[in-house]
Amino acid sequence: MPSPHRFDTKAFIEPFGFSSKNLQLTQALLRNPQPTLSENLRHTLALTPAQSSLNGYTLLDTLGAVAIGRIIASLTQLGNEWLENGNCSVASLNSLHHLLDEWIALGDWVVQQAGGIGDQ
């Protein structure tokens, strides 16, 4: 009988698809405040066929866990700046919120993957 404390890798084998459209949007939003992250995203997009999506493993391999965390932090900071300045539309804030939710879900998945390494 499997241990209830054992990490179930089957639950996290294949994460959601991350669309190339959302990678393009992230790359554009980070172009000025985070040019290195933006360039990393541009490189990842160059490896991705148009109108397709990438799984979590591909993003983790091409960007790395640290870059994913930095993207989340940078998008959060950008959202906070937009809220402070009050000079963006509700639609823009909603789009950024949705985009940030997707990156956070990817970050959560990366943490879950790292948590299961020693349990196998």
N, C-alpha and C. Protein backbone atom coordinates (compact mmCIF):
# COMPACT_ATOMS: atom_id res chain seq x y z
N MET A 1 0.85 -1.18 0.00
CA MET A 1 0.00 0.00 0.00
C MET A 1 0.89 1.24 0.00
N PRO A 2 0.61 2.20 -0.89
CA PRO A 2 1.45 3.40 -0.94
C PRO A 2 1.29 4.25 0.31
N SER A 3 2.37 4.91 0.66
CA SER A 3 2.35 5.79 1.82
C SER A 3 1.51 7.03 1.52
N PRO A 4 0.68 7.48 2.48
CA PRO A 4 -0.10 8.70 2.25
C PRO A 4 0.78 9.94 2.23
N HIS A 5 2.01 9.82 2.68
CA HIS A 5 2.93 10.97 2.73
C HIS A 5 3.81 11.05 1.49
N ARG A 6 3.67 10.08 0.64
CA ARG A 6 4.49 10.03 -0.56
C ARG A 6 3.92 10.96 -1.63
N PHE A 7 4.78 11.66 -2.31
CA PHE A 7 4.41 12.57 -3.38
C PHE A 7 3.89 11.78 -4.57
N ASP A 8 2.74 12.12 -5.09
CA ASP A 8 2.16 11.43 -6.23
C ASP A 8 2.58 12.14 -7.52
N THR A 9 3.63 11.64 -8.16
CA THR A 9 4.14 12.30 -9.35
C THR A 9 3.16 12.25 -10.51
N LYS A 10 2.29 11.27 -10.57
CA LYS A 10 1.35 11.17 -11.67
C LYS A 10 0.41 12.36 -11.73
N ALA A 11 0.14 12.96 -10.58
CA ALA A 11 -0.76 14.11 -10.54
C ALA A 11 -0.12 15.34 -11.17
N PHE A 12 1.21 15.34 -11.31
CA PHE A 12 1.90 16.54 -11.78
C PHE A 12 2.78 16.28 -13.00
N ILE A 13 2.56 15.17 -13.67
CA ILE A 13 3.40 14.82 -14.81
C ILE A 13 3.26 15.85 -15.94
N GLU A 14 2.08 16.20 -16.30
CA GLU A 14 1.89 17.11 -17.43
C GLU A 14 1.04 18.30 -17.00
N PRO A 15 1.66 19.45 -16.80
CA PRO A 15 0.90 20.64 -16.41
C PRO A 15 0.14 21.21 -17.62
N PHE A 16 -0.62 22.21 -17.36
CA PHE A 16 -1.39 22.91 -18.37
C PHE A 16 -0.47 23.42 -19.49
N GLY A 17 -1.06 23.72 -20.63
CA GLY A 17 -0.30 24.35 -21.69
C GLY A 17 -0.22 25.85 -21.45
N PHE A 18 0.90 26.43 -21.73
CA PHE A 18 1.10 27.86 -21.58
C PHE A 18 1.21 28.41 -22.99
N SER A 19 0.27 29.25 -23.39
CA SER A 19 0.17 29.68 -24.79
C SER A 19 1.32 30.60 -25.19
N SER A 20 1.68 30.51 -26.47
CA SER A 20 2.71 31.40 -27.00
C SER A 20 2.23 32.85 -26.96
N LYS A 21 0.92 33.04 -27.04
CA LYS A 21 0.35 34.40 -26.95
C LYS A 21 0.66 35.02 -25.58
N ASN A 22 0.51 34.23 -24.53
CA ASN A 22 0.81 34.75 -23.19
C ASN A 22 2.31 34.95 -22.98
N LEU A 23 3.12 34.12 -23.62
CA LEU A 23 4.57 34.35 -23.56
C LEU A 23 4.93 35.65 -24.28
N GLN A 24 4.28 35.91 -25.42
CA GLN A 24 4.53 37.15 -26.16
C GLN A 24 4.12 38.37 -25.33
N LEU A 25 2.96 38.28 -24.69
CA LEU A 25 2.49 39.39 -23.86
C LEU A 25 3.44 39.63 -22.70
N THR A 26 3.88 38.57 -22.05
CA THR A 26 4.83 38.70 -20.94
C THR A 26 6.12 39.33 -21.43
N GLN A 27 6.61 38.86 -22.56
CA GLN A 27 7.85 39.39 -23.12
C GLN A 27 7.72 40.88 -23.40
N ALA A 28 6.60 41.31 -23.95
CA ALA A 28 6.38 42.73 -24.25
C ALA A 28 6.28 43.56 -22.97
N LEU A 29 5.58 43.05 -21.97
CA LEU A 29 5.42 43.80 -20.72
C LEU A 29 6.74 43.96 -19.97
N LEU A 30 7.63 42.98 -20.11
CA LEU A 30 8.89 43.02 -19.37
C LEU A 30 10.05 43.62 -20.17
N ARG A 31 9.79 44.01 -21.40
CA ARG A 31 10.86 44.51 -22.28
C ARG A 31 11.63 45.66 -21.64
N ASN A 32 10.95 46.64 -21.10
CA ASN A 32 11.65 47.79 -20.50
C ASN A 32 12.09 47.56 -19.06
N PRO A 33 11.21 47.07 -18.18
CA PRO A 33 11.65 46.94 -16.78
C PRO A 33 12.61 45.77 -16.53
N GLN A 34 12.54 44.72 -17.35
CA GLN A 34 13.38 43.53 -17.15
C GLN A 34 13.89 43.02 -18.51
N PRO A 35 14.84 43.73 -19.12
CA PRO A 35 15.27 43.34 -20.47
C PRO A 35 15.88 41.93 -20.55
N THR A 36 16.55 41.49 -19.52
CA THR A 36 17.15 40.15 -19.55
C THR A 36 16.06 39.07 -19.56
N LEU A 37 15.06 39.23 -18.69
CA LEU A 37 13.94 38.28 -18.68
C LEU A 37 13.20 38.33 -20.02
N SER A 38 13.01 39.52 -20.54
CA SER A 38 12.33 39.67 -21.82
C SER A 38 13.10 38.95 -22.93
N GLU A 39 14.41 39.06 -22.91
CA GLU A 39 15.23 38.38 -23.90
C GLU A 39 15.15 36.87 -23.74
N ASN A 40 15.13 36.37 -22.51
CA ASN A 40 14.96 34.94 -22.27
C ASN A 40 13.62 34.45 -22.83
N LEU A 41 12.58 35.24 -22.65
CA LEU A 41 11.27 34.89 -23.20
C LEU A 41 11.28 34.92 -24.72
N ARG A 42 11.97 35.89 -25.28
CA ARG A 42 12.08 35.98 -26.74
C ARG A 42 12.76 34.73 -27.28
N HIS A 43 13.81 34.28 -26.61
CA HIS A 43 14.51 33.06 -27.02
C HIS A 43 13.57 31.86 -26.93
N THR A 44 12.80 31.77 -25.86
CA THR A 44 11.85 30.67 -25.70
C THR A 44 10.80 30.71 -26.81
N LEU A 45 10.33 31.89 -27.14
CA LEU A 45 9.34 32.03 -28.21
C LEU A 45 9.91 31.61 -29.56
N ALA A 46 11.19 31.86 -29.77
CA ALA A 46 11.83 31.47 -31.03
C ALA A 46 11.82 29.95 -31.21
N LEU A 47 11.76 29.21 -30.11
CA LEU A 47 11.74 27.76 -30.16
C LEU A 47 10.33 27.20 -30.27
N THR A 48 9.33 28.09 -30.21
CA THR A 48 7.93 27.68 -30.15
C THR A 48 7.21 28.00 -31.45
N PRO A 49 6.57 27.01 -32.06
CA PRO A 49 5.76 27.32 -33.25
C PRO A 49 4.64 28.29 -32.90
N ALA A 50 4.32 29.16 -33.82
CA ALA A 50 3.24 30.13 -33.59
C ALA A 50 1.93 29.41 -33.28
N GLN A 51 1.13 30.03 -32.47
CA GLN A 51 -0.20 29.52 -32.10
C GLN A 51 -0.15 28.18 -31.35
N SER A 52 0.95 27.90 -30.70
CA SER A 52 1.02 26.65 -29.95
C SER A 52 1.17 26.97 -28.47
N SER A 53 1.27 25.93 -27.69
CA SER A 53 1.48 26.12 -26.26
C SER A 53 2.64 25.26 -25.80
N LEU A 54 3.22 25.67 -24.70
CA LEU A 54 4.34 24.94 -24.11
C LEU A 54 3.88 24.33 -22.81
N ASN A 55 4.40 23.15 -22.51
CA ASN A 55 4.07 22.58 -21.21
C ASN A 55 5.06 23.07 -20.16
N GLY A 56 4.79 22.76 -18.93
CA GLY A 56 5.63 23.22 -17.83
C GLY A 56 7.06 22.74 -17.91
N TYR A 57 7.26 21.51 -18.38
CA TYR A 57 8.62 20.97 -18.49
C TYR A 57 9.45 21.79 -19.47
N THR A 58 8.86 22.15 -20.59
CA THR A 58 9.58 22.93 -21.59
C THR A 58 9.94 24.30 -21.03
N LEU A 59 8.98 24.94 -20.37
CA LEU A 59 9.27 26.26 -19.79
C LEU A 59 10.31 26.16 -18.69
N LEU A 60 10.23 25.14 -17.88
CA LEU A 60 11.22 24.96 -16.82
C LEU A 60 12.60 24.73 -17.42
N ASP A 61 12.68 23.93 -18.48
CA ASP A 61 13.97 23.65 -19.12
C ASP A 61 14.55 24.88 -19.80
N THR A 62 13.72 25.68 -20.46
CA THR A 62 14.24 26.81 -21.21
C THR A 62 14.45 28.06 -20.36
N LEU A 63 13.59 28.29 -19.38
CA LEU A 63 13.70 29.48 -18.55
C LEU A 63 14.40 29.23 -17.23
N GLY A 64 14.05 28.12 -16.59
CA GLY A 64 14.59 27.81 -15.27
C GLY A 64 13.67 28.33 -14.17
N ALA A 65 13.75 27.70 -13.02
CA ALA A 65 12.87 28.03 -11.90
C ALA A 65 13.10 29.46 -11.39
N VAL A 66 14.35 29.90 -11.36
CA VAL A 66 14.64 31.24 -10.85
C VAL A 66 14.02 32.30 -11.77
N ALA A 67 14.14 32.12 -13.08
CA ALA A 67 13.57 33.08 -14.01
C ALA A 67 12.05 33.11 -13.90
N ILE A 68 11.44 31.95 -13.71
CA ILE A 68 9.98 31.91 -13.54
C ILE A 68 9.58 32.71 -12.31
N GLY A 69 10.31 32.55 -11.22
CA GLY A 69 10.04 33.35 -10.02
C GLY A 69 10.23 34.83 -10.25
N ARG A 70 11.26 35.19 -11.00
CA ARG A 70 11.51 36.61 -11.31
C ARG A 70 10.43 37.20 -12.20
N ILE A 71 9.92 36.39 -13.11
CA ILE A 71 8.82 36.85 -13.97
C ILE A 71 7.59 37.14 -13.11
N ILE A 72 7.28 36.25 -12.19
CA ILE A 72 6.14 36.47 -11.29
C ILE A 72 6.33 37.74 -10.49
N ALA A 73 7.53 37.92 -9.92
CA ALA A 73 7.82 39.12 -9.12
C ALA A 73 7.73 40.38 -9.98
N SER A 74 8.25 40.33 -11.19
CA SER A 74 8.24 41.51 -12.07
C SER A 74 6.83 41.88 -12.51
N LEU A 75 6.03 40.88 -12.85
CA LEU A 75 4.64 41.16 -13.22
C LEU A 75 3.85 41.70 -12.03
N THR A 76 4.13 41.19 -10.84
CA THR A 76 3.47 41.70 -9.62
C THR A 76 3.84 43.16 -9.40
N GLN A 77 5.13 43.47 -9.54
CA GLN A 77 5.57 44.85 -9.36
C GLN A 77 4.94 45.77 -10.40
N LEU A 78 4.87 45.30 -11.63
CA LEU A 78 4.24 46.08 -12.69
C LEU A 78 2.78 46.36 -12.37
N GLY A 79 2.06 45.35 -11.91
CA GLY A 79 0.66 45.53 -11.53
C GLY A 79 0.50 46.53 -10.39
N ASN A 80 1.39 46.44 -9.41
CA ASN A 80 1.34 47.39 -8.30
C ASN A 80 1.59 48.82 -8.77
N GLU A 81 2.52 48.98 -9.70
CA GLU A 81 2.79 50.31 -10.26
C GLU A 81 1.59 50.84 -11.02
N TRP A 82 0.96 49.97 -11.79
CA TRP A 82 -0.24 50.38 -12.52
C TRP A 82 -1.34 50.82 -11.57
N LEU A 83 -1.51 50.08 -10.48
CA LEU A 83 -2.54 50.45 -9.50
C LEU A 83 -2.22 51.76 -8.82
N GLU A 84 -0.96 51.97 -8.47
CA GLU A 84 -0.55 53.22 -7.81
C GLU A 84 -0.76 54.42 -8.72
N ASN A 85 -0.37 54.28 -9.98
CA ASN A 85 -0.47 55.39 -10.92
C ASN A 85 -1.90 55.63 -11.39
N GLY A 86 -2.70 54.59 -11.40
CA GLY A 86 -4.09 54.71 -11.81
C GLY A 86 -4.28 55.12 -13.26
N ASN A 87 -3.26 54.89 -14.08
CA ASN A 87 -3.36 55.35 -15.47
C ASN A 87 -3.52 54.22 -16.47
N CYS A 88 -4.11 53.12 -16.04
CA CYS A 88 -4.37 52.04 -17.00
C CYS A 88 -5.83 51.60 -16.88
N SER A 89 -6.28 50.98 -17.93
CA SER A 89 -7.69 50.59 -17.98
C SER A 89 -7.96 49.35 -17.14
N VAL A 90 -9.22 49.16 -16.84
CA VAL A 90 -9.65 47.96 -16.11
C VAL A 90 -9.34 46.72 -16.95
N ALA A 91 -9.52 46.81 -18.26
CA ALA A 91 -9.23 45.68 -19.14
C ALA A 91 -7.75 45.30 -19.08
N SER A 92 -6.87 46.31 -19.04
CA SER A 92 -5.43 46.03 -18.94
C SER A 92 -5.10 45.37 -17.61
N LEU A 93 -5.70 45.86 -16.54
CA LEU A 93 -5.47 45.25 -15.23
C LEU A 93 -5.98 43.81 -15.19
N ASN A 94 -7.14 43.58 -15.78
CA ASN A 94 -7.69 42.23 -15.82
C ASN A 94 -6.80 41.29 -16.63
N SER A 95 -6.27 41.78 -17.75
CA SER A 95 -5.37 40.97 -18.56
C SER A 95 -4.10 40.63 -17.80
N LEU A 96 -3.55 41.63 -17.12
CA LEU A 96 -2.34 41.39 -16.33
C LEU A 96 -2.63 40.40 -15.19
N HIS A 97 -3.78 40.54 -14.57
CA HIS A 97 -4.17 39.64 -13.48
C HIS A 97 -4.27 38.20 -13.98
N HIS A 98 -4.90 38.02 -15.14
CA HIS A 98 -5.02 36.68 -15.73
C HIS A 98 -3.64 36.11 -16.07
N LEU A 99 -2.80 36.93 -16.65
CA LEU A 99 -1.45 36.51 -17.02
C LEU A 99 -0.65 36.12 -15.78
N LEU A 100 -0.75 36.93 -14.75
CA LEU A 100 -0.05 36.64 -13.50
C LEU A 100 -0.56 35.36 -12.87
N ASP A 101 -1.86 35.13 -12.93
CA ASP A 101 -2.42 33.87 -12.41
C ASP A 101 -1.80 32.66 -13.11
N GLU A 102 -1.60 32.76 -14.42
CA GLU A 102 -1.00 31.64 -15.16
C GLU A 102 0.45 31.41 -14.75
N TRP A 103 1.20 32.49 -14.58
CA TRP A 103 2.60 32.34 -14.15
C TRP A 103 2.67 31.79 -12.73
N ILE A 104 1.77 32.23 -11.88
CA ILE A 104 1.75 31.71 -10.50
C ILE A 104 1.42 30.22 -10.50
N ALA A 105 0.47 29.80 -11.34
CA ALA A 105 0.14 28.38 -11.44
C ALA A 105 1.36 27.59 -11.91
N LEU A 106 2.11 28.15 -12.86
CA LEU A 106 3.33 27.49 -13.31
C LEU A 106 4.35 27.43 -12.17
N GLY A 107 4.49 28.52 -11.44
CA GLY A 107 5.42 28.54 -10.30
C GLY A 107 5.04 27.52 -9.24
N ASP A 108 3.75 27.40 -8.96
CA ASP A 108 3.27 26.38 -8.01
C ASP A 108 3.62 24.98 -8.50
N TRP A 109 3.43 24.76 -9.80
CA TRP A 109 3.76 23.46 -10.37
C TRP A 109 5.25 23.16 -10.23
N VAL A 110 6.10 24.17 -10.46
CA VAL A 110 7.55 23.98 -10.33
C VAL A 110 7.90 23.60 -8.89
N VAL A 111 7.29 24.27 -7.92
CA VAL A 111 7.53 23.94 -6.51
C VAL A 111 7.09 22.51 -6.21
N GLN A 112 5.95 22.11 -6.73
CA GLN A 112 5.47 20.74 -6.52
C GLN A 112 6.43 19.73 -7.12
N GLN A 113 6.97 20.04 -8.30
CA GLN A 113 7.94 19.14 -8.92
C GLN A 113 9.19 19.01 -8.05
N ALA A 114 9.68 20.12 -7.54
CA ALA A 114 10.87 20.10 -6.70
C ALA A 114 10.61 19.35 -5.39
N GLY A 115 9.39 19.47 -4.87
CA GLY A 115 9.05 18.79 -3.62
C GLY A 115 9.01 17.29 -3.75
N GLY A 116 8.81 16.78 -4.94
CA GLY A 116 8.71 15.33 -5.14
C GLY A 116 10.02 14.66 -5.52
N ILE A 117 11.09 15.40 -5.65
CA ILE A 117 12.34 14.83 -6.12
C ILE A 117 12.85 13.73 -5.20
N GLY A 118 12.87 13.96 -3.90
CA GLY A 118 13.43 12.99 -2.98
C GLY A 118 12.48 11.88 -2.57
N ASP A 119 11.24 11.93 -3.02
CA ASP A 119 10.23 10.97 -2.58
C ASP A 119 10.10 9.77 -3.50
N GLN A 120 10.92 9.67 -4.51
CA GLN A 120 10.71 8.60 -5.47
C GLN A 120 11.65 7.46 -5.26
